[in-house]
Protein backbone atom coordinates (compact mmCIF):
# COMPACT_ATOMS: atom_id res chain seq x y z
CA MET A 1 -1.04 24.20 -55.93
CA LYS A 2 1.95 25.97 -54.46
CA ASN A 3 -0.26 28.27 -52.41
CA LYS A 4 -1.99 25.36 -50.62
CA SER A 5 1.24 23.62 -49.56
CA ASN A 6 2.79 26.71 -47.94
CA PRO A 7 0.17 27.08 -45.17
CA PHE A 8 0.34 23.35 -44.52
CA LYS A 9 4.13 23.49 -44.18
CA ILE A 10 3.95 26.45 -41.82
CA VAL A 11 1.34 24.77 -39.60
CA SER A 12 3.36 21.54 -39.61
CA LEU A 13 6.53 23.38 -38.64
CA ILE A 14 4.76 25.22 -35.81
CA PHE A 15 3.30 21.91 -34.58
CA VAL A 16 6.73 20.23 -34.59
CA ILE A 17 8.37 23.14 -32.73
CA PHE A 18 5.56 23.24 -30.19
CA SER A 19 5.79 19.45 -29.67
CA ILE A 20 9.54 19.63 -29.07
CA PHE A 21 9.02 22.44 -26.58
CA ILE A 22 6.39 20.44 -24.66
CA LEU A 23 8.65 17.35 -24.57
CA LEU A 24 11.56 19.41 -23.19
CA VAL A 25 9.35 20.88 -20.46
CA PHE A 26 8.09 17.41 -19.44
CA LYS A 27 11.63 16.04 -19.45
CA LYS A 28 12.74 18.77 -17.05
CA TYR A 29 10.02 17.91 -14.53
CA ILE A 30 10.06 14.13 -14.91
CA TYR A 31 13.83 13.56 -14.94
CA ARG A 32 14.99 15.82 -12.15
CA GLU A 33 18.51 15.50 -10.82
CA HIS A 34 19.02 13.38 -7.72
CA GLU A 35 18.87 15.52 -4.60
CA ASN A 36 22.11 15.20 -2.62
CA ILE A 37 20.94 15.52 0.96
CA SER A 38 24.41 14.94 2.39
CA LEU A 39 25.48 18.36 1.07
CA LYS A 40 22.47 20.23 2.47
CA ASN A 41 22.07 21.68 5.94
CA PRO A 42 19.47 19.93 8.09
CA ASP A 43 16.14 21.64 8.62
CA ILE A 44 15.77 20.03 12.06
CA ILE A 45 18.23 18.55 14.57
CA ILE A 46 16.58 16.09 16.93
CA ASN A 47 17.14 13.06 19.15
CA ALA A 48 15.65 9.72 17.99
CA ASP A 49 13.64 9.37 21.21
CA LYS A 50 12.04 12.80 20.77
CA LEU A 51 11.25 12.18 17.08
CA TYR A 52 9.59 8.84 17.87
CA TYR A 53 7.66 10.34 20.80
CA ASP A 54 6.36 13.18 18.63
CA PHE A 55 5.12 10.82 15.90
CA THR A 56 3.48 8.35 18.27
CA ASN A 57 1.71 11.02 20.34
CA PHE A 58 1.17 13.95 17.94
CA THR A 59 0.96 12.40 14.47
CA ASP A 60 -0.82 15.26 12.67
CA SER A 61 1.40 18.04 13.96
CA SER A 62 4.49 15.86 13.47
CA ASN A 63 3.62 15.26 9.84
CA SER A 64 3.42 18.98 9.18
CA LYS A 65 6.62 19.60 11.15
CA TYR A 66 8.91 16.76 9.92
CA LEU A 67 7.49 15.34 6.66
CA ASN A 68 9.90 15.73 3.69
CA LYS A 69 12.31 17.74 5.83
CA ILE A 70 16.03 17.04 6.10
CA ILE A 71 16.58 15.85 9.65
CA LEU A 72 19.77 15.25 11.61
CA ILE A 73 19.03 12.48 14.12
CA ASP A 74 21.21 11.13 16.90
CA GLY A 75 20.35 7.86 18.56
CA ASN A 76 21.46 4.38 19.56
CA LEU A 77 21.92 1.79 16.83
CA ILE A 78 19.85 -1.38 17.27
CA SER A 79 20.55 -3.17 13.99
CA LEU A 80 22.42 -2.80 10.71
CA ASP A 81 21.70 -4.73 7.51
CA ASN A 82 23.49 -3.46 4.37
CA ARG A 83 21.83 -0.07 3.82
CA ASN A 84 19.08 -0.43 6.44
CA ILE A 85 19.66 0.66 10.02
CA LEU A 86 17.31 0.85 12.98
CA LEU A 87 17.70 3.35 15.79
CA SER A 88 16.11 2.95 19.19
CA PRO A 89 13.15 3.24 19.86
CA GLY A 90 11.91 2.80 16.27
CA ILE A 91 13.55 4.92 13.57
CA SER A 92 14.01 2.94 10.34
CA ILE A 93 16.66 4.50 8.08
CA LEU A 94 17.62 3.69 4.50
CA LEU A 95 21.21 4.78 3.80
CA GLU A 96 22.49 5.95 0.42
CA LYS A 97 25.51 3.59 0.64
CA ASN A 98 26.29 0.27 2.32
CA ILE A 99 27.91 0.70 5.73
CA THR A 100 29.57 -2.11 7.71
CA LYS A 101 31.85 -0.24 10.12
CA ILE A 102 29.28 0.53 12.83
CA ASN A 103 29.09 -1.30 16.14
CA LYS A 104 25.70 -2.18 17.60
CA LYS A 105 24.61 -0.19 20.64
CA GLU A 106 26.76 2.68 19.37
CA GLU A 107 25.34 6.21 19.33
CA ILE A 108 25.36 7.60 15.79
CA LYS A 109 24.22 10.67 13.89
CA VAL A 110 22.33 10.31 10.63
CA LYS A 111 21.06 12.94 8.21
CA GLY A 112 18.19 12.08 5.88
CA ARG A 113 14.71 12.91 4.61
CA CYS A 114 11.73 12.10 6.83
CA LEU A 115 9.01 10.07 5.08
CA GLY A 116 6.65 9.92 8.04
CA PHE A 117 5.33 7.31 10.45
CA ASP A 118 4.48 3.73 9.48
CA ASN A 119 1.48 2.74 11.62
CA ILE A 120 1.82 -0.95 10.78
CA LEU A 121 5.48 -1.36 11.78
CA MET A 122 5.32 1.48 14.33
CA GLU A 123 8.44 3.11 12.88
CA VAL A 124 9.46 6.54 11.70
CA LYS A 125 10.81 6.18 8.15
CA ILE A 126 13.89 8.07 6.92
CA ASP A 127 15.48 7.70 3.47
CA LYS A 128 18.37 9.18 1.45
CA ALA A 129 20.40 9.10 4.63
CA THR A 130 24.11 9.41 5.31
CA LEU A 131 26.13 8.97 8.50
CA VAL A 132 27.46 12.17 10.04
CA ASN A 133 30.73 12.13 11.99
């Protein structure tokens, strides 16, 4: 009887170790740390008018050029609502933190990740953004 339980215990132990290893690998890829874009250098520095023009006229090439890139954008503020700001002519930006100290019609610089162009709202979408002084 003792001989039959030893192989079973070894196989069970190997299965448990392998399972723990697989769970740790999945955890690493599923629960990645939050990317702090404010500390990174921008991939592209561009004016809001130029960014909007590129997306409305050259959508395919703009997607390959700007999509998921960290972009530093300067433009005129149209509206501010908690964490959402809109730059002229149509750059919708989601900020990391609430901001209330900006005046409308003020030129600002924002750094964030480009999500692409929304054809329904006709806006370029930016998220994980922070104001740059």
